[in-house]
Amino acid sequence: RIDANDAILSGSAFENVNLSQARFHNVKLTDAAIEDACLSGLRIRDANLSGVAISDCRLDGMTIDGISVPDLLA
């Protein structure tokens, strides 16, 4: 387990890492890239998602403010 507080980890790379049940609070992920990841059960709250791009992803059960994303896209 790693507890990182007031740390600068920009430019870090995580490969084949288990971050299940990890907690991110007051973090900056600007220009971060997430690829080939399992994010099922992920909760995002009070986040700035402007400019976020999601592509080639499975969206079953995904909601935004309680609204089904697959339904919105249909």
Protein backbone atom coordinates (compact mmCIF):
# COMPACT_ATOMS: atom_id res chain seq x y z
CA ARG A 1 0.00 0.00 0.00
CA ILE A 2 1.23 3.48 -0.89
CA ASP A 3 -0.04 6.67 0.77
CA ALA A 4 1.03 9.64 -1.35
CA ASN A 5 0.26 13.06 0.13
CA ASP A 6 1.31 16.41 -1.31
CA ALA A 7 3.30 14.52 -3.94
CA ILE A 8 4.19 15.32 -7.54
CA LEU A 9 3.92 12.14 -9.59
CA SER A 10 3.47 13.80 -12.98
CA GLY A 11 4.97 11.79 -15.80
CA SER A 12 4.69 8.55 -13.82
CA ALA A 13 3.68 5.34 -15.58
CA PHE A 14 1.68 2.51 -14.07
CA GLU A 15 1.72 -0.78 -15.96
CA ASN A 16 -0.14 -3.93 -14.88
CA VAL A 17 -1.06 -2.37 -11.51
CA ASN A 18 -4.04 -3.20 -9.28
CA LEU A 19 -5.57 0.04 -8.00
CA SER A 20 -8.90 -1.48 -6.92
CA GLN A 21 -10.42 0.36 -3.97
CA ALA A 22 -7.85 3.15 -4.36
CA ARG A 23 -9.06 6.62 -3.42
CA PHE A 24 -8.12 9.76 -5.31
CA HIS A 25 -9.00 13.10 -3.70
CA ASN A 26 -8.01 16.53 -4.97
CA VAL A 27 -5.87 15.12 -7.77
CA LYS A 28 -4.90 16.60 -11.12
CA LEU A 29 -5.18 14.18 -14.05
CA THR A 30 -4.87 16.77 -16.82
CA ASP A 31 -3.67 15.11 -20.04
CA ALA A 32 -3.57 11.70 -18.32
CA ALA A 33 -4.31 8.65 -20.45
CA ILE A 34 -6.10 5.52 -19.28
CA GLU A 35 -6.02 2.58 -21.69
CA ASP A 36 -7.08 -1.06 -21.45
CA ALA A 37 -8.43 -0.56 -17.92
CA CYS A 38 -11.28 -2.06 -15.91
CA LEU A 39 -13.12 0.88 -14.35
CA SER A 40 -16.31 -0.98 -13.43
CA GLY A 41 -17.78 0.42 -10.23
CA LEU A 42 -15.78 3.64 -10.60
CA ARG A 43 -17.44 6.70 -9.07
CA ILE A 44 -16.52 10.23 -10.13
CA ARG A 45 -17.91 13.14 -8.13
CA ASP A 46 -17.33 16.90 -8.18
CA ALA A 47 -14.89 16.63 -11.09
CA ASN A 48 -14.09 18.91 -14.01
CA LEU A 49 -14.63 16.66 -17.03
CA SER A 50 -14.36 19.38 -19.67
CA GLY A 51 -12.43 18.15 -22.68
CA VAL A 52 -12.64 14.48 -21.62
CA ALA A 53 -12.73 12.04 -24.54
CA ILE A 54 -14.09 8.49 -24.17
CA SER A 55 -13.85 6.12 -27.12
CA ASP A 56 -14.00 2.39 -27.87
CA CYS A 57 -15.35 1.64 -24.39
CA ARG A 58 -18.01 -0.69 -23.02
CA LEU A 59 -20.69 1.55 -21.51
CA ASP A 60 -23.20 -1.01 -20.15
CA GLY A 61 -24.62 0.33 -16.88
CA MET A 62 -22.75 3.66 -17.14
CA THR A 63 -24.78 6.63 -15.90
CA ILE A 64 -24.34 10.38 -15.71
CA ASP A 65 -26.40 11.97 -12.92
CA GLY A 66 -28.48 8.78 -12.84
CA ILE A 67 -29.19 8.82 -16.60
CA SER A 68 -28.15 5.78 -18.64
CA VAL A 69 -25.38 6.73 -21.08
CA PRO A 70 -26.22 3.96 -23.58
CA ASP A 71 -29.81 5.28 -23.61
CA LEU A 72 -28.56 8.83 -24.17
CA LEU A 73 -26.44 7.68 -27.11
CA ALA A 74 -29.25 5.62 -28.69
